[in-house]
């Protein structure tokens, strides 16, 4: 919105003592509204940018979304985890705890991670019964890999 000078608005200095007249207030209000809308649009653009997977040269999607980043026995392989962490800075994603539960010390970090994953994935089994019935689904393969 173009700024309008006081002379163009026909502003008068009289009893108001030089304070803003109604037109100036409306202009400032419109400017604030426009600035607010710009901030909201910028926020929305940043949100969408964070959601979209980062593309490497050649226009490929990150490895964690393709088969080369996935382990055929379930879960992600090291390459998939690395590409996920690059695409999501600050992520603490790690590879699976594949040690047998009998070999893990009870209450250790690895044992707690395994137990937590098994609990979460059990909920996924209930939520996706089709995947739960298919022994070759990614969910079933991952649970098998984690010894759930």
Protein backbone atom coordinates (compact mmCIF):
# COMPACT_ATOMS: atom_id res chain seq x y z
CA UNK A 1 0.00 0.00 0.00
CA UNK A 2 1.42 3.39 -1.00
CA UNK A 3 1.99 5.92 1.74
CA UNK A 4 -0.10 9.05 1.55
CA UNK A 5 1.32 12.29 2.91
CA UNK A 6 -0.62 14.53 5.27
CA UNK A 7 -0.97 17.13 2.54
CA UNK A 8 -2.55 14.58 0.19
CA UNK A 9 -5.00 13.50 2.87
CA UNK A 10 -5.89 17.07 3.64
CA UNK A 11 -4.88 16.59 7.25
CA UNK A 12 -5.53 19.56 9.42
CA UNK A 13 -3.86 20.64 12.60
CA UNK A 14 -6.45 22.16 14.79
CA UNK A 15 -7.99 21.03 18.02
CA UNK A 16 -6.27 17.65 17.69
CA UNK A 17 -2.91 19.36 18.25
CA UNK A 18 -1.27 17.54 15.35
CA UNK A 19 -2.34 14.07 16.44
CA UNK A 20 -3.44 11.53 13.85
CA UNK A 21 -6.75 12.01 12.23
CA UNK A 22 -9.03 9.07 11.40
CA UNK A 23 -7.58 8.52 7.92
CA UNK A 24 -4.01 8.18 9.24
CA UNK A 25 -5.18 5.72 11.89
CA UNK A 26 -6.88 3.64 9.22
CA UNK A 27 -3.72 3.68 7.08
CA UNK A 28 -1.57 2.53 10.02
CA UNK A 29 -4.11 -0.16 10.81
CA UNK A 30 -4.01 -1.36 7.18
CA UNK A 31 -0.19 -1.37 7.24
CA UNK A 32 -0.17 -3.44 10.44
CA UNK A 33 -2.65 -5.87 8.91
CA UNK A 34 -0.49 -6.22 5.77
CA UNK A 35 2.62 -6.82 7.89
CA UNK A 36 0.76 -9.45 9.93
CA UNK A 37 -0.34 -11.24 6.75
CA UNK A 38 3.25 -11.18 5.42
CA UNK A 39 4.53 -12.73 8.67
CA UNK A 40 1.88 -15.44 8.49
CA UNK A 41 2.77 -16.21 4.86
CA UNK A 42 6.48 -16.39 5.78
CA UNK A 43 5.70 -18.73 8.69
CA UNK A 44 3.62 -20.97 6.42
CA UNK A 45 6.40 -21.08 3.79
CA UNK A 46 8.98 -22.06 6.44
CA UNK A 47 6.66 -24.81 7.73
CA UNK A 48 6.21 -26.26 4.25
CA UNK A 49 9.96 -26.06 3.62
CA UNK A 50 10.63 -28.08 6.78
CA UNK A 51 8.07 -30.75 5.81
CA UNK A 52 9.37 -31.31 2.28
CA UNK A 53 12.17 -33.87 2.07
CA UNK A 54 15.47 -32.34 0.98
CA UNK A 55 16.57 -33.30 -2.53
CA UNK A 56 20.17 -34.07 -3.36
CA UNK A 57 21.68 -33.39 -6.77
CA UNK A 58 19.86 -35.23 -9.52
CA UNK A 59 16.44 -34.56 -8.00
CA UNK A 60 16.31 -37.77 -5.97
CA UNK A 61 14.42 -38.01 -2.71
CA UNK A 62 16.42 -38.78 0.46
CA UNK A 63 17.70 -42.36 0.87
CA UNK A 64 15.48 -43.03 3.89
CA UNK A 65 12.41 -42.76 1.64
CA UNK A 66 13.83 -45.12 -1.00
CA UNK A 67 14.67 -48.81 -0.89
CA UNK A 68 18.43 -48.15 -0.76
CA UNK A 69 18.03 -46.58 2.69
CA UNK A 70 15.84 -49.40 3.99
CA UNK A 71 17.07 -52.67 5.39
CA UNK A 72 15.48 -55.69 3.64
CA UNK A 73 15.16 -57.31 7.09
CA UNK A 74 13.16 -54.33 8.42
CA UNK A 75 13.83 -50.78 9.58
CA UNK A 76 16.39 -48.39 8.13
CA UNK A 77 20.01 -49.19 7.40
CA UNK A 78 22.91 -46.89 8.33
CA UNK A 79 22.61 -44.98 5.05
CA UNK A 80 18.89 -44.41 5.62
CA UNK A 81 19.47 -43.16 9.18
CA UNK A 82 22.25 -40.82 7.99
CA UNK A 83 20.06 -39.36 5.23
CA UNK A 84 17.15 -38.90 7.67
CA UNK A 85 19.40 -37.02 10.08
CA UNK A 86 20.65 -34.77 7.26
CA UNK A 87 17.07 -34.01 6.20
CA UNK A 88 15.95 -33.42 9.82
CA UNK A 89 18.65 -31.52 11.72
CA UNK A 90 18.55 -32.13 15.44
CA UNK A 91 17.11 -35.62 14.98
CA UNK A 92 18.37 -38.32 17.34
CA UNK A 93 17.31 -41.26 15.16
CA UNK A 94 19.49 -44.34 15.65
CA UNK A 95 19.62 -47.79 14.08
CA UNK A 96 17.76 -50.69 15.66
CA UNK A 97 18.79 -52.48 18.86
CA UNK A 98 19.32 -55.94 17.38
CA UNK A 99 20.92 -57.53 20.46
CA UNK A 100 18.88 -60.38 21.89
CA UNK A 101 16.94 -59.33 25.02
CA UNK A 102 18.69 -62.03 27.07
CA UNK A 103 22.07 -60.43 26.28
CA UNK A 104 20.92 -56.90 27.24
CA UNK A 105 21.40 -55.67 30.76
CA UNK A 106 17.92 -54.95 32.22
CA UNK A 107 17.30 -51.20 32.53
CA UNK A 108 20.19 -50.27 30.22
CA UNK A 109 19.67 -47.56 27.56
CA UNK A 110 19.54 -50.14 24.77
CA UNK A 111 17.08 -52.34 26.69
CA UNK A 112 14.84 -49.34 27.39
CA UNK A 113 14.97 -48.23 23.72
CA UNK A 114 14.03 -51.74 22.61
CA UNK A 115 11.20 -51.98 25.14
CA UNK A 116 9.86 -48.56 24.10
CA UNK A 117 10.00 -49.41 20.39
CA UNK A 118 8.20 -52.70 20.98
CA UNK A 119 5.44 -50.91 22.92
CA UNK A 120 5.01 -48.25 20.21
CA UNK A 121 5.02 -50.74 17.37
CA UNK A 122 2.47 -52.92 19.19
CA UNK A 123 0.12 -49.95 18.90
CA UNK A 124 0.87 -49.80 15.16
CA UNK A 125 -0.02 -53.50 14.89
CA UNK A 126 -3.45 -52.70 16.36
CA UNK A 127 -3.88 -49.61 14.18
CA UNK A 128 -2.92 -51.36 10.93
CA UNK A 129 -4.35 -54.90 11.06
CA UNK A 130 -3.57 -55.51 7.38
CA UNK A 131 0.14 -54.93 8.02
CA UNK A 132 -0.07 -56.98 11.21
CA UNK A 133 -1.32 -60.02 9.27
CA UNK A 134 1.29 -59.76 6.50
CA UNK A 135 4.58 -61.37 7.67
CA UNK A 136 6.53 -59.40 5.02
CA UNK A 137 5.19 -55.95 5.97
CA UNK A 138 7.74 -53.32 7.02
CA UNK A 139 6.14 -53.22 10.46
CA UNK A 140 6.43 -56.97 11.06
CA UNK A 141 9.99 -57.05 9.69
CA UNK A 142 11.03 -54.17 11.96
CA UNK A 143 9.48 -55.83 15.03
CA UNK A 144 11.29 -59.06 14.20
CA UNK A 145 14.58 -57.18 13.83
CA UNK A 146 14.09 -55.50 17.23
CA UNK A 147 13.22 -58.89 18.79
CA UNK A 148 9.69 -57.82 19.74
